[in-house]
Amino acid sequence: MLNRDNYRRYINPVQPLVNTGAYANIERAAGPCWRCVCVYHLSPQENVGKSNIFIDVLSAGGDWAIAEHLRVGWTWNGRQPHEPAAPRMFEKRPPEFRAQVDLYKGQITSLRIMDATGLRSDVVNGLRSDVEDLSTGGNTRFHNSFAALFQRISGPVIAPPIDPVMPPTEILTAWQMGIERDIAELKAWRQTMEGDGR
């Protein structure tokens, strides 16, 4: 069982994508809304083989919000009209996260808060279960999970979309792949030059 209180330390309204790499992004809603303040990729020790997104909501003051009038709306890329995605209720008991969405194999999932009062919500896109494949531990291909926290905000805030922050290891990997690609191109060019007698 995950204790939702353990994930409050990752709340960052300015950059809520804690450790999601380049695959996740957030579409910001304008004005009063449910603002996504945290998307956290569970570590292998926290996840232990699950494939879920665990969701909860906070009030404007930072306390856990009353959620009877709320649901989690969710869908996935390529979803067909005959494929159901019933909104998820906030029905679990604290200290667990009160709502969850299953991450199925191959699905790239989006979610938002649905509020019966009409309050809009940020949309979290790009969550998927194939993002980490460790040979041992709780995160293997198609067994990765996330925690997502939303907070009610008021006022005329218009924020831009949140671009993912690439972790340092992914920056180095991308840099190394670019160098390796350049070396391969130089070798191919050299072979071409040597092959035609120049």
Protein backbone atom coordinates (compact mmCIF):
# COMPACT_ATOMS: atom_id res chain seq x y z
CA MET A 1 0.00 0.00 0.00
CA LEU A 2 1.32 3.44 -0.96
CA ASN A 3 0.94 6.21 1.59
CA ARG A 4 -0.07 9.35 -0.30
CA ASP A 5 1.55 11.58 2.35
CA ASN A 6 4.99 10.30 1.33
CA TYR A 7 4.58 11.94 -2.07
CA ARG A 8 3.76 15.45 -0.89
CA ARG A 9 7.50 16.18 -0.79
CA TYR A 10 7.60 15.98 -4.60
CA ILE A 11 4.99 18.72 -5.09
CA ASN A 12 6.30 21.46 -7.37
CA PRO A 13 3.64 23.60 -9.10
CA VAL A 14 6.26 25.18 -11.39
CA GLN A 15 7.86 21.91 -12.57
CA PRO A 16 5.60 19.04 -11.51
CA LEU A 17 7.20 16.42 -13.79
CA VAL A 18 9.60 15.09 -11.17
CA ASN A 19 11.36 12.22 -12.93
CA THR A 20 9.34 11.35 -15.99
CA GLY A 21 11.92 12.04 -18.69
CA ALA A 22 10.75 13.23 -22.08
CA TYR A 23 7.69 11.02 -22.42
CA ALA A 24 5.27 12.98 -20.18
CA ASN A 25 3.84 16.47 -20.56
CA ILE A 26 1.11 18.61 -19.03
CA GLU A 27 -1.47 20.78 -20.80
CA ARG A 28 -2.25 23.65 -18.47
CA ALA A 29 -5.79 24.88 -17.90
CA ALA A 30 -6.37 28.63 -17.62
CA GLY A 31 -7.94 30.35 -14.64
CA PRO A 32 -9.28 28.55 -11.57
CA CYS A 33 -8.67 24.85 -12.06
CA TRP A 34 -7.27 21.59 -10.77
CA ARG A 35 -3.54 22.23 -11.24
CA CYS A 36 -1.22 19.22 -11.58
CA VAL A 37 1.49 19.77 -8.97
CA CYS A 38 3.28 16.41 -9.08
CA VAL A 39 3.85 13.52 -11.47
CA TYR A 40 6.29 11.05 -9.97
CA HIS A 41 7.58 7.80 -11.51
CA LEU A 42 7.65 5.25 -8.69
CA SER A 43 11.00 3.63 -7.93
CA PRO A 44 11.29 -0.17 -8.18
CA GLN A 45 11.12 -0.41 -4.38
CA GLU A 46 7.90 1.63 -4.29
CA ASN A 47 6.32 -0.02 -7.30
CA VAL A 48 7.04 -3.75 -6.75
CA GLY A 49 5.69 -4.77 -10.15
CA LYS A 50 2.48 -2.73 -10.39
CA SER A 51 1.19 -0.91 -13.51
CA ASN A 52 -0.95 1.98 -12.26
CA ILE A 53 -1.32 5.72 -11.95
CA PHE A 54 -2.23 6.66 -8.37
CA ILE A 55 -4.11 9.96 -8.10
CA ASP A 56 -5.17 12.28 -5.32
CA VAL A 57 -6.26 15.89 -4.87
CA LEU A 58 -5.42 18.72 -2.51
CA SER A 59 -7.42 21.77 -1.53
CA ALA A 60 -6.21 25.30 -2.25
CA GLY A 61 -4.83 25.37 1.29
CA GLY A 62 -2.79 22.20 0.80
CA ASP A 63 -4.95 19.78 2.79
CA TRP A 64 -6.37 16.65 1.19
CA ALA A 65 -9.47 17.82 -0.69
CA ILE A 66 -13.01 16.50 -0.35
CA ALA A 67 -13.48 14.42 -3.50
CA GLU A 68 -17.10 13.18 -3.58
CA HIS A 69 -17.89 15.41 -6.59
CA LEU A 70 -14.70 14.46 -8.44
CA ARG A 71 -13.73 11.72 -10.87
CA VAL A 72 -10.59 10.94 -12.83
CA GLY A 73 -11.18 11.18 -16.56
CA TRP A 74 -8.72 9.13 -18.60
CA THR A 75 -8.09 7.87 -22.10
CA TRP A 76 -5.23 6.60 -24.23
CA ASN A 77 -3.72 7.26 -27.65
CA GLY A 78 -5.57 5.33 -30.35
CA ARG A 79 -8.62 4.57 -28.22
CA GLN A 80 -11.57 3.47 -30.35
CA PRO A 81 -15.22 4.53 -29.75
CA HIS A 82 -16.19 1.02 -28.63
CA GLU A 83 -13.42 0.87 -26.00
CA PRO A 84 -14.68 2.00 -22.56
CA ALA A 85 -12.77 4.30 -20.22
CA ALA A 86 -15.21 4.91 -17.40
CA PRO A 87 -14.18 7.76 -15.08
CA ARG A 88 -12.53 6.52 -11.89
CA MET A 89 -13.91 7.41 -8.50
CA PHE A 90 -11.97 8.64 -5.49
CA GLU A 91 -13.04 5.64 -3.44
CA LYS A 92 -10.03 4.22 -1.61
CA ARG A 93 -9.40 5.01 2.01
CA PRO A 94 -6.53 7.17 3.24
CA PRO A 95 -3.64 6.95 3.68
CA GLU A 96 -3.78 5.26 0.25
CA PHE A 97 -4.20 7.33 -2.88
CA ARG A 98 -7.96 7.56 -3.29
CA ALA A 99 -8.11 6.92 -7.05
CA GLN A 100 -6.15 4.88 -9.55
CA VAL A 101 -6.03 4.17 -13.28
CA ASP A 102 -4.55 0.95 -14.62
CA LEU A 103 -1.75 1.22 -17.17
CA TYR A 104 -2.22 -1.48 -19.78
CA LYS A 105 0.49 -2.86 -22.02
CA GLY A 106 1.23 -0.53 -24.92
CA GLN A 107 -1.16 2.22 -23.84
CA ILE A 108 -0.02 5.84 -23.65
CA THR A 109 -2.41 7.30 -21.11
CA SER A 110 -3.76 10.81 -20.44
CA LEU A 111 -5.75 11.89 -17.39
CA ARG A 112 -7.46 14.87 -15.81
CA ILE A 113 -9.75 15.69 -12.90
CA MET A 114 -13.47 15.84 -13.73
CA ASP A 115 -15.28 18.21 -11.37
CA ALA A 116 -19.11 18.19 -11.15
CA THR A 117 -18.98 21.93 -10.37
CA GLY A 118 -17.41 22.61 -13.78
CA LEU A 119 -13.92 23.50 -12.56
CA ARG A 120 -11.42 22.79 -15.32
CA SER A 121 -8.31 20.63 -14.99
CA ASP A 122 -4.79 20.32 -16.30
CA VAL A 123 -4.29 17.25 -18.49
CA VAL A 124 -1.35 14.91 -17.91
CA ASN A 125 -0.29 13.14 -21.11
CA GLY A 126 2.18 10.42 -22.05
CA LEU A 127 2.11 8.10 -19.03
CA ARG A 128 3.01 4.54 -20.01
CA SER A 129 4.17 1.30 -18.45
CA ASP A 130 7.15 0.54 -20.72
CA VAL A 131 9.46 3.37 -19.61
CA GLU A 132 11.93 1.39 -17.51
CA ASP A 133 13.07 -2.21 -17.79
CA LEU A 134 15.30 -3.35 -14.96
CA SER A 135 16.35 -6.99 -14.92
CA THR A 136 15.54 -7.17 -11.21
CA GLY A 137 13.35 -5.13 -8.96
CA GLY A 138 9.87 -3.69 -9.21
CA ASN A 139 10.11 -1.84 -12.55
CA THR A 140 10.22 -4.04 -15.63
CA ARG A 141 8.87 -3.49 -19.13
CA PHE A 142 5.08 -2.90 -18.82
CA HIS A 143 5.34 -2.77 -14.99
CA ASN A 144 5.91 0.89 -14.11
CA SER A 145 3.66 3.17 -12.03
CA PHE A 146 3.17 6.86 -11.28
CA ALA A 147 1.80 9.10 -8.56
CA ALA A 148 -0.12 12.19 -9.74
CA LEU A 149 -1.27 14.97 -7.41
CA PHE A 150 -3.60 17.82 -8.37
CA GLN A 151 -4.35 20.94 -6.32
CA ARG A 152 -7.30 23.29 -6.58
CA ILE A 153 -6.21 26.81 -7.47
CA SER A 154 -8.17 30.01 -7.90
CA GLY A 155 -7.47 33.26 -9.68
CA PRO A 156 -6.70 34.24 -13.27
CA VAL A 157 -3.58 32.13 -13.67
CA ILE A 158 -2.66 31.33 -17.26
CA ALA A 159 0.39 29.11 -17.36
CA PRO A 160 2.17 27.70 -20.41
CA PRO A 161 2.35 23.96 -21.10
CA ILE A 162 4.95 22.17 -19.01
CA ASP A 163 7.76 20.68 -21.01
CA PRO A 164 9.41 17.65 -19.51
CA VAL A 165 12.80 18.01 -17.90
CA MET A 166 15.19 15.38 -19.16
CA PRO A 167 17.08 13.73 -16.29
CA PRO A 168 20.91 14.07 -16.45
CA THR A 169 21.36 10.40 -17.38
CA GLU A 170 19.03 10.83 -20.37
CA ILE A 171 20.85 14.00 -21.43
CA LEU A 172 24.16 12.12 -21.38
CA THR A 173 22.65 9.17 -23.25
CA ALA A 174 21.24 11.48 -25.95
CA TRP A 175 24.60 13.27 -26.21
CA GLN A 176 26.47 9.96 -26.49
CA MET A 177 24.03 8.68 -29.14
CA GLY A 178 24.58 11.89 -31.15
CA ILE A 179 28.35 11.45 -31.02
CA GLU A 180 28.09 7.79 -32.01
CA ARG A 181 25.83 8.74 -34.94
CA ASP A 182 28.34 11.41 -36.07
CA ILE A 183 31.21 8.92 -35.88
CA ALA A 184 29.25 6.39 -37.94
CA GLU A 185 28.52 9.03 -40.57
CA LEU A 186 32.20 10.04 -40.72
CA LYS A 187 33.27 6.40 -41.09
CA ALA A 188 30.74 5.88 -43.89
CA TRP A 189 31.95 9.04 -45.64
CA ARG A 190 35.59 7.93 -45.27
CA GLN A 191 34.78 4.51 -46.74
CA THR A 192 33.03 6.18 -49.65
CA MET A 193 36.06 8.41 -50.29
CA GLU A 194 38.49 5.48 -50.09
CA GLY A 195 36.26 3.34 -52.26
CA ASP A 196 36.24 5.69 -55.25
CA GLY A 197 40.03 6.28 -55.23
CA ARG A 198 40.12 9.83 -53.86
